[in-house]
Amino acid sequence: MCSSDGPGVEVAVAAAHTALTRALHHGVEQLGHDQSAALLAQLRVLSAQADALTLSLVGRVDAEGTYALDGALSAGWLRAFAHHTPAQAARTVRTARTLRSGVLPHTTAALAAGAI
């Protein structure tokens, strides 16, 4: 998975949040059909990349055991901080572990690229 260490990732995510907030403010009412289709494709890529970063982060917290700093188990930490259901949290941790293990390098790369 992509490297997500350090303050650079926090700055990049904050910038993405600002950009999406600005886009929401502008709205979509003025977009034609072709523009809407193109925007939908871009948003799908952004969503997949956000998922990749989330899984990378969850994988790191899980591997390092830092969830215990909050008095939680790995999936419990995810339920508390991401408001996941127990099933969602377990699935996310399982996926993060699999991707972090390196057994699916093409899947990991495709997710990071927003291709899946």
Protein backbone atom coordinates (compact mmCIF):
# COMPACT_ATOMS: atom_id res chain seq x y z
CA MET A 1 0.00 0.00 0.00
CA CYS A 2 1.13 3.59 -0.35
CA SER A 3 3.16 5.22 2.37
CA SER A 4 0.96 7.20 4.72
CA ASP A 5 3.44 8.19 7.41
CA GLY A 6 4.05 11.68 8.65
CA PRO A 7 2.30 15.01 8.53
CA GLY A 8 2.22 15.07 4.72
CA VAL A 9 -0.73 12.70 4.66
CA GLU A 10 -2.62 14.81 7.17
CA VAL A 11 -2.09 17.96 5.11
CA ALA A 12 -3.15 16.16 1.93
CA VAL A 13 -6.33 14.78 3.52
CA ALA A 14 -7.18 18.22 4.95
CA ALA A 15 -6.73 19.72 1.47
CA ALA A 16 -9.00 17.05 -0.03
CA HIS A 17 -11.61 17.81 2.62
CA THR A 18 -11.42 21.53 1.83
CA ALA A 19 -11.75 20.85 -1.91
CA LEU A 20 -14.76 18.57 -1.43
CA THR A 21 -16.42 21.08 0.90
CA ARG A 22 -15.91 23.76 -1.76
CA ALA A 23 -17.36 21.44 -4.42
CA LEU A 24 -20.41 20.76 -2.27
CA HIS A 25 -20.89 24.49 -1.84
CA HIS A 26 -20.86 25.01 -5.62
CA GLY A 27 -23.33 22.17 -6.13
CA VAL A 28 -24.09 20.09 -9.20
CA GLU A 29 -27.23 21.75 -10.51
CA GLN A 30 -25.39 23.53 -13.32
CA LEU A 31 -23.76 20.35 -14.69
CA GLY A 32 -24.91 18.79 -17.91
CA HIS A 33 -25.20 15.04 -18.41
CA ASP A 34 -21.68 14.56 -19.83
CA GLN A 35 -20.17 16.65 -17.04
CA SER A 36 -22.13 14.65 -14.47
CA ALA A 37 -20.88 11.36 -15.91
CA ALA A 38 -17.27 12.58 -15.90
CA LEU A 39 -17.59 13.87 -12.35
CA LEU A 40 -19.11 10.59 -11.20
CA ALA A 41 -16.11 8.71 -12.61
CA GLN A 42 -13.72 11.09 -10.80
CA LEU A 43 -15.62 10.72 -7.54
CA ARG A 44 -15.47 6.92 -7.82
CA VAL A 45 -11.68 7.12 -8.12
CA LEU A 46 -11.48 9.47 -5.12
CA SER A 47 -13.70 7.14 -3.10
CA ALA A 48 -11.52 4.12 -3.91
CA GLN A 49 -8.38 6.06 -3.03
CA ALA A 50 -9.94 7.13 0.28
CA ASP A 51 -10.73 3.46 0.92
CA ALA A 52 -7.12 2.53 0.14
CA LEU A 53 -5.79 5.13 2.56
CA THR A 54 -8.29 4.03 5.22
CA LEU A 55 -7.24 0.39 4.83
CA SER A 56 -3.57 1.38 4.98
CA LEU A 57 -4.20 3.30 8.20
CA VAL A 58 -6.29 0.54 9.76
CA GLY A 59 -3.64 -2.01 8.76
CA ARG A 60 -0.91 0.02 10.42
CA VAL A 61 -2.88 0.60 13.64
CA ASP A 62 -3.75 -3.10 13.71
CA ALA A 63 -0.18 -4.25 13.06
CA GLU A 64 1.32 -1.91 15.65
CA GLY A 65 -1.39 -2.59 18.22
CA THR A 66 -1.84 1.11 18.95
CA TYR A 67 -5.60 0.59 19.24
CA ALA A 68 -4.81 -0.59 22.79
CA LEU A 69 -3.83 2.99 23.68
CA ASP A 70 -7.56 3.71 23.56
CA GLY A 71 -8.38 0.61 25.60
CA ALA A 72 -9.85 -1.20 22.62
CA LEU A 73 -9.35 -4.25 20.48
CA SER A 74 -8.57 -3.67 16.82
CA ALA A 75 -12.13 -3.96 15.48
CA GLY A 76 -13.47 -2.21 18.56
CA TRP A 77 -11.21 0.75 17.89
CA LEU A 78 -12.57 0.97 14.36
CA ARG A 79 -16.16 0.77 15.63
CA ALA A 80 -15.49 3.64 18.03
CA PHE A 81 -13.58 5.93 15.70
CA ALA A 82 -15.20 5.16 12.34
CA HIS A 83 -18.69 4.37 13.63
CA HIS A 84 -18.64 0.97 11.93
CA THR A 85 -21.01 -1.84 12.84
CA PRO A 86 -19.28 -4.87 14.34
CA ALA A 87 -19.51 -6.69 10.98
CA GLN A 88 -18.13 -3.70 9.04
CA ALA A 89 -15.27 -3.28 11.48
CA ALA A 90 -14.32 -6.97 11.33
CA ARG A 91 -14.47 -6.94 7.52
CA THR A 92 -12.35 -3.78 7.30
CA VAL A 93 -9.69 -5.13 9.69
CA ARG A 94 -9.60 -8.44 7.82
CA THR A 95 -9.20 -6.65 4.47
CA ALA A 96 -6.54 -4.31 5.89
CA ARG A 97 -4.57 -7.27 7.24
CA THR A 98 -4.74 -9.07 3.91
CA LEU A 99 -3.60 -6.03 1.95
CA ARG A 100 -0.84 -5.23 4.44
CA SER A 101 0.46 -8.80 4.23
CA GLY A 102 1.50 -8.23 0.63
CA VAL A 103 -0.22 -11.34 -0.77
CA LEU A 104 -2.35 -9.24 -3.14
CA PRO A 105 0.03 -6.61 -4.53
CA HIS A 106 -1.96 -6.03 -7.73
CA THR A 107 -5.19 -5.56 -5.78
CA THR A 108 -3.47 -3.17 -3.40
CA ALA A 109 -2.06 -1.14 -6.30
CA ALA A 110 -5.39 -1.10 -8.16
CA LEU A 111 -7.21 0.11 -5.07
CA ALA A 112 -4.63 2.86 -4.47
CA ALA A 113 -4.99 3.92 -8.11
CA GLY A 114 -8.74 4.07 -7.76
CA ALA A 115 -9.24 1.37 -10.38
CA ILE A 116 -11.37 -0.86 -8.13
